[in-house]
Amino acid sequence: MIRNPLFRLSVPLLAAVFSVALVGVADASNLEQEVIAYQDARFRAMIEEDVDELGKLLADDLHYSHTKGRVESKAQFLSTIETKEIDYIAAKRRDIEVRLFGNTAVITGLSDMTLIWRGEQQDFTIRFLEVAHKFDSDWRLVAWQSVRFLVD
């Protein structure tokens, strides 16, 4: 039997610290899953041209930068989708990393894109940087920037 009083105090203290750490990891994991689900919904709304749903997933002060450098506001981006100026056909994301900073998520990764632009189907891979923020209980896109990913 251990008779050291410091040991008796430290075991419950370590257990409490460990359980708080596990709760923090579980919370972060849940938030990451929320962010990925939000991103899935946003890509789906873009592909399905559901501007009503997409509008709910975009921040009012959105800064959306396309691969060719054109920057759009929320209203401009919704118009791009609605008019099919860019008709998104498919987006297959991979190598996703989600980093959380409170209620803000920075998401990076690659996405294999298929879209129609100026009447021609284009297939290419992008590397993207996305910033999403949780407003009340809803994640919204604050900023997006992407570049075409070229393998050397």
N, C-alpha and C. Protein backbone atom coordinates (compact mmCIF):
# COMPACT_ATOMS: atom_id res chain seq x y z
N MET A 1 0.84 -1.18 0.00
CA MET A 1 0.00 0.00 0.00
C MET A 1 0.89 1.24 0.00
N ILE A 2 0.53 2.22 -0.81
CA ILE A 2 1.30 3.44 -0.91
C ILE A 2 0.82 4.41 0.15
N ARG A 3 1.77 4.91 0.96
CA ARG A 3 1.39 5.78 2.07
C ARG A 3 1.80 7.23 1.83
N ASN A 4 2.40 7.53 0.73
CA ASN A 4 2.83 8.90 0.46
C ASN A 4 1.60 9.77 0.18
N PRO A 5 1.34 10.82 1.03
CA PRO A 5 0.14 11.64 0.84
C PRO A 5 0.16 12.42 -0.47
N LEU A 6 1.35 12.76 -0.96
CA LEU A 6 1.41 13.47 -2.24
C LEU A 6 0.93 12.59 -3.38
N PHE A 7 1.23 11.30 -3.29
CA PHE A 7 0.77 10.38 -4.33
C PHE A 7 -0.75 10.29 -4.33
N ARG A 8 -1.34 10.23 -3.14
CA ARG A 8 -2.81 10.14 -3.05
C ARG A 8 -3.47 11.39 -3.63
N LEU A 9 -2.83 12.55 -3.48
CA LEU A 9 -3.38 13.77 -4.05
C LEU A 9 -3.14 13.85 -5.56
N SER A 10 -2.01 13.37 -6.00
CA SER A 10 -1.67 13.53 -7.41
C SER A 10 -2.44 12.59 -8.32
N VAL A 11 -2.84 11.43 -7.85
CA VAL A 11 -3.59 10.50 -8.71
C VAL A 11 -4.92 11.10 -9.13
N PRO A 12 -5.74 11.61 -8.20
CA PRO A 12 -7.00 12.22 -8.66
C PRO A 12 -6.77 13.47 -9.52
N LEU A 13 -5.74 14.22 -9.19
CA LEU A 13 -5.44 15.41 -9.97
C LEU A 13 -5.04 15.03 -11.40
N LEU A 14 -4.19 14.03 -11.55
CA LEU A 14 -3.80 13.56 -12.89
C LEU A 14 -5.00 13.01 -13.65
N ALA A 15 -5.86 12.29 -12.94
CA ALA A 15 -7.06 11.74 -13.59
C ALA A 15 -7.95 12.87 -14.10
N ALA A 16 -8.10 13.93 -13.31
CA ALA A 16 -8.92 15.06 -13.72
C ALA A 16 -8.32 15.77 -14.93
N VAL A 17 -7.01 15.99 -14.90
CA VAL A 17 -6.34 16.65 -16.02
C VAL A 17 -6.46 15.80 -17.28
N PHE A 18 -6.27 14.49 -17.15
CA PHE A 18 -6.36 13.59 -18.29
C PHE A 18 -7.77 13.60 -18.88
N SER A 19 -8.79 13.58 -18.01
CA SER A 19 -10.16 13.56 -18.53
C SER A 19 -10.51 14.87 -19.22
N VAL A 20 -10.02 16.01 -18.70
CA VAL A 20 -10.24 17.29 -19.36
C VAL A 20 -9.57 17.30 -20.73
N ALA A 21 -8.36 16.74 -20.80
CA ALA A 21 -7.65 16.68 -22.07
C ALA A 21 -8.42 15.83 -23.07
N LEU A 22 -8.98 14.71 -22.63
CA LEU A 22 -9.76 13.86 -23.53
C LEU A 22 -11.01 14.57 -24.01
N VAL A 23 -11.68 15.32 -23.13
CA VAL A 23 -12.86 16.07 -23.54
C VAL A 23 -12.47 17.10 -24.59
N GLY A 24 -11.33 17.77 -24.41
CA GLY A 24 -10.86 18.74 -25.40
C GLY A 24 -10.60 18.09 -26.74
N VAL A 25 -10.01 16.90 -26.75
CA VAL A 25 -9.75 16.17 -27.99
C VAL A 25 -11.07 15.78 -28.65
N ALA A 26 -12.03 15.31 -27.84
CA ALA A 26 -13.33 14.92 -28.38
C ALA A 26 -14.05 16.13 -28.97
N ASP A 27 -14.01 17.27 -28.27
CA ASP A 27 -14.63 18.49 -28.79
C ASP A 27 -14.01 18.91 -30.11
N ALA A 28 -12.68 18.87 -30.18
CA ALA A 28 -11.99 19.24 -31.42
C ALA A 28 -12.38 18.30 -32.55
N SER A 29 -12.46 17.01 -32.25
CA SER A 29 -12.85 16.03 -33.26
C SER A 29 -14.27 16.29 -33.75
N ASN A 30 -15.18 16.60 -32.83
CA ASN A 30 -16.56 16.91 -33.21
C ASN A 30 -16.62 18.16 -34.08
N LEU A 31 -15.85 19.19 -33.72
CA LEU A 31 -15.82 20.41 -34.52
C LEU A 31 -15.25 20.14 -35.91
N GLU A 32 -14.21 19.32 -35.99
CA GLU A 32 -13.65 18.97 -37.30
C GLU A 32 -14.70 18.28 -38.16
N GLN A 33 -15.47 17.38 -37.57
CA GLN A 33 -16.52 16.69 -38.31
C GLN A 33 -17.60 17.68 -38.77
N GLU A 34 -17.93 18.65 -37.91
CA GLU A 34 -18.89 19.69 -38.30
C GLU A 34 -18.37 20.47 -39.50
N VAL A 35 -17.09 20.83 -39.46
CA VAL A 35 -16.49 21.62 -40.54
C VAL A 35 -16.53 20.82 -41.84
N ILE A 36 -16.18 19.55 -41.78
CA ILE A 36 -16.19 18.72 -42.99
C ILE A 36 -17.61 18.56 -43.52
N ALA A 37 -18.59 18.39 -42.62
CA ALA A 37 -19.99 18.28 -43.05
C ALA A 37 -20.46 19.58 -43.69
N TYR A 38 -20.05 20.72 -43.11
CA TYR A 38 -20.40 22.02 -43.70
C TYR A 38 -19.79 22.13 -45.11
N GLN A 39 -18.51 21.74 -45.23
CA GLN A 39 -17.85 21.85 -46.53
C GLN A 39 -18.52 20.93 -47.55
N ASP A 40 -18.90 19.72 -47.13
CA ASP A 40 -19.64 18.81 -48.02
C ASP A 40 -20.92 19.49 -48.52
N ALA A 41 -21.65 20.10 -47.59
CA ALA A 41 -22.91 20.76 -47.96
C ALA A 41 -22.67 21.92 -48.92
N ARG A 42 -21.59 22.67 -48.70
CA ARG A 42 -21.29 23.80 -49.58
C ARG A 42 -20.94 23.34 -50.99
N PHE A 43 -20.09 22.34 -51.10
CA PHE A 43 -19.75 21.81 -52.42
C PHE A 43 -20.99 21.23 -53.11
N ARG A 44 -21.83 20.52 -52.35
CA ARG A 44 -23.05 19.95 -52.93
C ARG A 44 -23.96 21.06 -53.46
N ALA A 45 -24.11 22.14 -52.68
CA ALA A 45 -24.96 23.26 -53.12
C ALA A 45 -24.40 23.90 -54.38
N MET A 46 -23.08 24.00 -54.49
CA MET A 46 -22.47 24.56 -55.70
C MET A 46 -22.76 23.68 -56.90
N ILE A 47 -22.59 22.38 -56.74
CA ILE A 47 -22.78 21.44 -57.84
C ILE A 47 -24.25 21.38 -58.25
N GLU A 48 -25.14 21.42 -57.26
CA GLU A 48 -26.58 21.36 -57.54
C GLU A 48 -27.17 22.73 -57.89
N GLU A 49 -26.33 23.76 -57.89
CA GLU A 49 -26.76 25.12 -58.20
C GLU A 49 -27.89 25.58 -57.29
N ASP A 50 -27.82 25.17 -56.04
CA ASP A 50 -28.82 25.53 -55.03
C ASP A 50 -28.37 26.83 -54.35
N VAL A 51 -28.67 27.96 -55.00
CA VAL A 51 -28.18 29.24 -54.49
C VAL A 51 -28.82 29.62 -53.15
N ASP A 52 -30.05 29.16 -52.90
CA ASP A 52 -30.66 29.44 -51.60
C ASP A 52 -29.87 28.77 -50.48
N GLU A 53 -29.57 27.50 -50.65
CA GLU A 53 -28.79 26.78 -49.64
C GLU A 53 -27.37 27.33 -49.58
N LEU A 54 -26.77 27.58 -50.73
CA LEU A 54 -25.41 28.10 -50.77
C LEU A 54 -25.32 29.45 -50.06
N GLY A 55 -26.33 30.28 -50.24
CA GLY A 55 -26.35 31.58 -49.59
C GLY A 55 -26.29 31.48 -48.08
N LYS A 56 -26.87 30.42 -47.53
CA LYS A 56 -26.84 30.21 -46.07
C LYS A 56 -25.46 29.76 -45.59
N LEU A 57 -24.64 29.25 -46.50
CA LEU A 57 -23.33 28.70 -46.14
C LEU A 57 -22.19 29.68 -46.40
N LEU A 58 -22.53 30.88 -46.87
CA LEU A 58 -21.52 31.89 -47.17
C LEU A 58 -21.68 33.07 -46.22
N ALA A 59 -20.56 33.59 -45.72
CA ALA A 59 -20.60 34.79 -44.89
C ALA A 59 -20.96 35.99 -45.76
N ASP A 60 -21.60 36.98 -45.15
CA ASP A 60 -22.01 38.16 -45.90
C ASP A 60 -20.82 38.92 -46.49
N ASP A 61 -19.68 38.85 -45.81
CA ASP A 61 -18.48 39.56 -46.29
C ASP A 61 -17.49 38.62 -46.96
N LEU A 62 -18.03 37.61 -47.66
CA LEU A 62 -17.21 36.60 -48.34
C LEU A 62 -16.16 37.23 -49.26
N HIS A 63 -14.99 36.61 -49.28
CA HIS A 63 -13.89 36.95 -50.20
C HIS A 63 -13.54 35.65 -50.92
N TYR A 64 -14.03 35.47 -52.17
CA TYR A 64 -13.87 34.23 -52.92
C TYR A 64 -12.93 34.48 -54.09
N SER A 65 -11.76 33.87 -54.04
CA SER A 65 -10.75 34.06 -55.08
C SER A 65 -10.65 32.78 -55.93
N HIS A 66 -10.95 32.92 -57.20
CA HIS A 66 -10.90 31.78 -58.13
C HIS A 66 -9.45 31.47 -58.54
N THR A 67 -9.27 30.34 -59.20
CA THR A 67 -7.92 29.90 -59.58
C THR A 67 -7.23 30.86 -60.53
N LYS A 68 -7.99 31.63 -61.29
CA LYS A 68 -7.37 32.58 -62.24
C LYS A 68 -7.20 33.97 -61.62
N GLY A 69 -7.50 34.08 -60.31
CA GLY A 69 -7.26 35.33 -59.61
C GLY A 69 -8.44 36.26 -59.46
N ARG A 70 -9.56 35.96 -60.11
CA ARG A 70 -10.75 36.81 -59.98
C ARG A 70 -11.31 36.67 -58.56
N VAL A 71 -11.63 37.80 -57.94
CA VAL A 71 -12.17 37.80 -56.59
C VAL A 71 -13.63 38.23 -56.64
N GLU A 72 -14.48 37.49 -55.91
CA GLU A 72 -15.91 37.79 -55.90
C GLU A 72 -16.42 37.96 -54.48
N SER A 73 -17.45 38.78 -54.36
CA SER A 73 -18.20 38.92 -53.11
C SER A 73 -19.23 37.79 -53.04
N LYS A 74 -19.97 37.74 -51.97
CA LYS A 74 -21.03 36.74 -51.84
C LYS A 74 -22.04 36.87 -52.98
N ALA A 75 -22.53 38.08 -53.22
CA ALA A 75 -23.53 38.28 -54.28
C ALA A 75 -22.97 37.90 -55.65
N GLN A 76 -21.74 38.27 -55.90
CA GLN A 76 -21.13 37.94 -57.19
C GLN A 76 -20.95 36.43 -57.35
N PHE A 77 -20.50 35.76 -56.30
CA PHE A 77 -20.30 34.31 -56.38
C PHE A 77 -21.63 33.59 -56.58
N LEU A 78 -22.67 34.01 -55.85
CA LEU A 78 -23.99 33.39 -56.05
C LEU A 78 -24.48 33.61 -57.47
N SER A 79 -24.22 34.77 -58.04
CA SER A 79 -24.60 35.04 -59.43
C SER A 79 -23.83 34.14 -60.39
N THR A 80 -22.54 33.93 -60.11
CA THR A 80 -21.72 33.03 -60.94
C THR A 80 -22.32 31.63 -60.97
N ILE A 81 -22.81 31.17 -59.83
CA ILE A 81 -23.42 29.82 -59.75
C ILE A 81 -24.79 29.83 -60.44
N GLU A 82 -25.60 30.81 -60.13
CA GLU A 82 -26.97 30.86 -60.66
C GLU A 82 -27.01 30.98 -62.18
N THR A 83 -26.11 31.77 -62.75
CA THR A 83 -26.10 31.97 -64.21
C THR A 83 -25.29 30.90 -64.94
N LYS A 84 -24.67 30.00 -64.17
CA LYS A 84 -23.82 28.95 -64.72
C LYS A 84 -22.63 29.51 -65.48
N GLU A 85 -22.20 30.72 -65.09
CA GLU A 85 -20.96 31.24 -65.67
C GLU A 85 -19.85 30.22 -65.44
N ILE A 86 -19.85 29.66 -64.25
CA ILE A 86 -19.05 28.47 -63.95
C ILE A 86 -20.04 27.42 -63.50
N ASP A 87 -20.08 26.31 -64.19
CA ASP A 87 -21.00 25.22 -63.87
C ASP A 87 -20.19 24.09 -63.24
N TYR A 88 -20.24 24.02 -61.92
CA TYR A 88 -19.48 22.99 -61.21
C TYR A 88 -20.17 21.64 -61.38
N ILE A 89 -19.43 20.67 -61.89
CA ILE A 89 -19.96 19.33 -62.14
C ILE A 89 -19.57 18.37 -61.00
N ALA A 90 -18.33 18.45 -60.57
CA ALA A 90 -17.85 17.55 -59.51
C ALA A 90 -16.66 18.19 -58.80
N ALA A 91 -16.52 17.81 -57.55
CA ALA A 91 -15.37 18.23 -56.74
C ALA A 91 -15.04 17.09 -55.79
N LYS A 92 -13.87 16.51 -55.98
CA LYS A 92 -13.46 15.39 -55.13
C LYS A 92 -12.27 15.85 -54.30
N ARG A 93 -12.53 16.11 -53.02
CA ARG A 93 -11.48 16.62 -52.14
C ARG A 93 -10.62 15.49 -51.59
N ARG A 94 -9.36 15.85 -51.30
CA ARG A 94 -8.45 14.88 -50.70
C ARG A 94 -7.36 15.63 -49.95
N ASP A 95 -6.64 14.89 -49.13
CA ASP A 95 -5.55 15.47 -48.33
C ASP A 95 -6.02 16.68 -47.54
N ILE A 96 -7.20 16.57 -46.95
CA ILE A 96 -7.79 17.67 -46.20
C ILE A 96 -7.16 17.76 -44.81
N GLU A 97 -6.86 18.98 -44.41
CA GLU A 97 -6.40 19.25 -43.05
C GLU A 97 -7.27 20.37 -42.49
N VAL A 98 -7.82 20.14 -41.30
CA VAL A 98 -8.64 21.15 -40.63
C VAL A 98 -7.90 21.60 -39.39
N ARG A 99 -7.68 22.91 -39.28
CA ARG A 99 -7.07 23.47 -38.08
C ARG A 99 -8.08 24.42 -37.46
N LEU A 100 -8.32 24.25 -36.17
CA LEU A 100 -9.33 25.03 -35.47
C LEU A 100 -8.70 26.08 -34.58
N PHE A 101 -9.28 27.27 -34.62
CA PHE A 101 -8.87 28.38 -33.78
C PHE A 101 -10.15 28.96 -33.18
N GLY A 102 -10.61 28.36 -32.10
CA GLY A 102 -11.89 28.77 -31.53
C GLY A 102 -13.00 28.42 -32.50
N ASN A 103 -13.78 29.43 -32.89
CA ASN A 103 -14.88 29.21 -33.83
C ASN A 103 -14.49 29.49 -35.28
N THR A 104 -13.19 29.47 -35.54
CA THR A 104 -12.70 29.65 -36.90
C THR A 104 -11.92 28.42 -37.33
N ALA A 105 -12.17 27.97 -38.55
CA ALA A 105 -11.46 26.81 -39.09
C ALA A 105 -10.70 27.23 -40.34
N VAL A 106 -9.46 26.76 -40.41
CA VAL A 106 -8.65 26.93 -41.61
C VAL A 106 -8.53 25.54 -42.23
N ILE A 107 -9.01 25.40 -43.44
CA ILE A 107 -9.03 24.11 -44.11
C ILE A 107 -8.14 24.19 -45.34
N THR A 108 -7.25 23.23 -45.47
CA THR A 108 -6.40 23.17 -46.65
C THR A 108 -6.52 21.79 -47.27
N GLY A 109 -6.21 21.70 -48.55
CA GLY A 109 -6.23 20.42 -49.21
C GLY A 109 -6.19 20.55 -50.72
N LEU A 110 -6.45 19.44 -51.35
CA LEU A 110 -6.53 19.37 -52.81
C LEU A 110 -7.95 18.99 -53.20
N SER A 111 -8.35 19.38 -54.39
CA SER A 111 -9.65 18.96 -54.90
C SER A 111 -9.54 18.77 -56.40
N ASP A 112 -10.01 17.62 -56.86
CA ASP A 112 -10.09 17.34 -58.29
C ASP A 112 -11.41 17.92 -58.78
N MET A 113 -11.32 18.89 -59.66
CA MET A 113 -12.49 19.65 -60.10
C MET A 113 -12.88 19.28 -61.53
N THR A 114 -14.17 19.24 -61.74
CA THR A 114 -14.74 19.15 -63.09
C THR A 114 -15.78 20.25 -63.18
N LEU A 115 -15.64 21.09 -64.21
CA LEU A 115 -16.57 22.20 -64.38
C LEU A 115 -16.66 22.58 -65.84
N ILE A 116 -17.66 23.35 -66.13
CA ILE A 116 -17.81 23.88 -67.48
C ILE A 116 -17.63 25.39 -67.38
N TRP A 117 -16.68 25.90 -68.15
CA TRP A 117 -16.40 27.33 -68.19
C TRP A 117 -16.27 27.74 -69.64
N ARG A 118 -17.04 28.74 -70.01
CA ARG A 118 -17.07 29.22 -71.40
C ARG A 118 -17.35 28.10 -72.39
N GLY A 119 -18.28 27.23 -72.01
CA GLY A 119 -18.73 26.17 -72.90
C GLY A 119 -17.84 24.95 -72.98
N GLU A 120 -16.75 24.94 -72.26
CA GLU A 120 -15.83 23.80 -72.33
C GLU A 120 -15.68 23.14 -70.97
N GLN A 121 -15.73 21.81 -70.98
CA GLN A 121 -15.47 21.08 -69.74
C GLN A 121 -13.99 21.15 -69.41
N GLN A 122 -13.72 21.39 -68.15
CA GLN A 122 -12.34 21.44 -67.69
C GLN A 122 -12.19 20.52 -66.49
N ASP A 123 -11.12 19.77 -66.51
CA ASP A 123 -10.79 18.86 -65.41
C ASP A 123 -9.40 19.24 -64.93
N PHE A 124 -9.29 19.57 -63.65
CA PHE A 124 -8.00 19.95 -63.10
C PHE A 124 -8.03 19.78 -61.58
N THR A 125 -6.86 19.87 -60.99
CA THR A 125 -6.73 19.76 -59.54
C THR A 125 -6.36 21.13 -58.99
N ILE A 126 -6.97 21.47 -57.86
CA ILE A 126 -6.63 22.71 -57.18
C ILE A 126 -6.07 22.42 -55.80
N ARG A 127 -5.24 23.33 -55.34
CA ARG A 127 -4.85 23.37 -53.93
C ARG A 127 -5.61 24.55 -53.36
N PHE A 128 -6.32 24.33 -52.24
CA PHE A 128 -7.15 25.40 -51.71
C PHE A 128 -6.82 25.72 -50.26
N LEU A 129 -7.16 26.94 -49.91
CA LEU A 129 -7.10 27.45 -48.55
C LEU A 129 -8.47 28.05 -48.27
N GLU A 130 -9.13 27.55 -47.27
CA GLU A 130 -10.48 27.98 -46.93
C GLU A 130 -10.51 28.44 -45.48
N VAL A 131 -11.22 29.52 -45.23
CA VAL A 131 -11.45 29.98 -43.87
C VAL A 131 -12.96 29.97 -43.65
N ALA A 132 -13.38 29.24 -42.63
CA ALA A 132 -14.79 29.17 -42.26
C ALA A 132 -14.92 29.63 -40.81
N HIS A 133 -16.04 30.24 -40.51
CA HIS A 133 -16.28 30.71 -39.14
C HIS A 133 -17.66 30.23 -38.70
N LYS A 134 -17.75 29.85 -37.43
CA LYS A 134 -19.03 29.39 -36.88
C LYS A 134 -19.75 30.59 -36.28
N PHE A 135 -20.80 31.03 -36.97
CA PHE A 135 -21.65 32.11 -36.52
C PHE A 135 -22.83 31.47 -35.79
N ASP A 136 -22.95 31.73 -34.51
CA ASP A 136 -23.95 31.06 -33.67
C ASP A 136 -23.75 29.54 -33.81
N SER A 137 -24.64 28.86 -34.52
CA SER A 137 -24.48 27.41 -34.65
C SER A 137 -24.18 26.97 -36.09
N ASP A 138 -23.96 27.94 -36.97
CA ASP A 138 -23.78 27.62 -38.39
C ASP A 138 -22.39 28.01 -38.89
N TRP A 139 -21.75 27.08 -39.59
CA TRP A 139 -20.46 27.37 -40.24
C TRP A 139 -20.74 28.09 -41.54
N ARG A 140 -19.91 29.09 -41.84
CA ARG A 140 -20.04 29.83 -43.09
C ARG A 140 -18.66 30.10 -43.68
N LEU A 141 -18.60 30.11 -45.00
CA LEU A 141 -17.36 30.40 -45.71
C LEU A 141 -17.07 31.89 -45.62
N VAL A 142 -15.89 32.23 -45.12
CA VAL A 142 -15.45 33.61 -45.00
C VAL A 142 -14.50 33.95 -46.15
N ALA A 143 -13.58 33.01 -46.44
CA ALA A 143 -12.60 33.27 -47.50
C ALA A 143 -12.21 31.95 -48.17
N TRP A 144 -11.97 32.05 -49.46
CA TRP A 144 -11.54 30.90 -50.27
C TRP A 144 -10.49 31.39 -51.24
N GLN A 145 -9.42 30.63 -51.35
CA GLN A 145 -8.42 30.93 -52.36
C GLN A 145 -7.91 29.61 -52.90
N SER A 146 -7.78 29.52 -54.20
CA SER A 146 -7.31 28.28 -54.80
C SER A 146 -6.40 28.58 -55.97
N VAL A 147 -5.52 27.64 -56.22
CA VAL A 147 -4.61 27.71 -57.36
C VAL A 147 -4.62 26.34 -58.03
N ARG A 148 -4.36 26.34 -59.30
CA ARG A 148 -4.25 25.06 -59.99
C ARG A 148 -3.00 24.34 -59.49
N PHE A 149 -3.17 23.08 -59.22
CA PHE A 149 -2.08 22.26 -58.70
C PHE A 149 -1.43 21.56 -59.88
N LEU A 150 -0.17 21.86 -60.09
CA LEU A 150 0.58 21.26 -61.18
C LEU A 150 1.69 20.41 -60.60
N VAL A 151 1.79 19.19 -61.07
CA VAL A 151 2.84 18.30 -60.60
C VAL A 151 4.08 18.57 -61.44
N ASP A 152 5.22 18.76 -60.78
CA ASP A 152 6.49 18.98 -61.49
C ASP A 152 6.98 17.74 -62.17
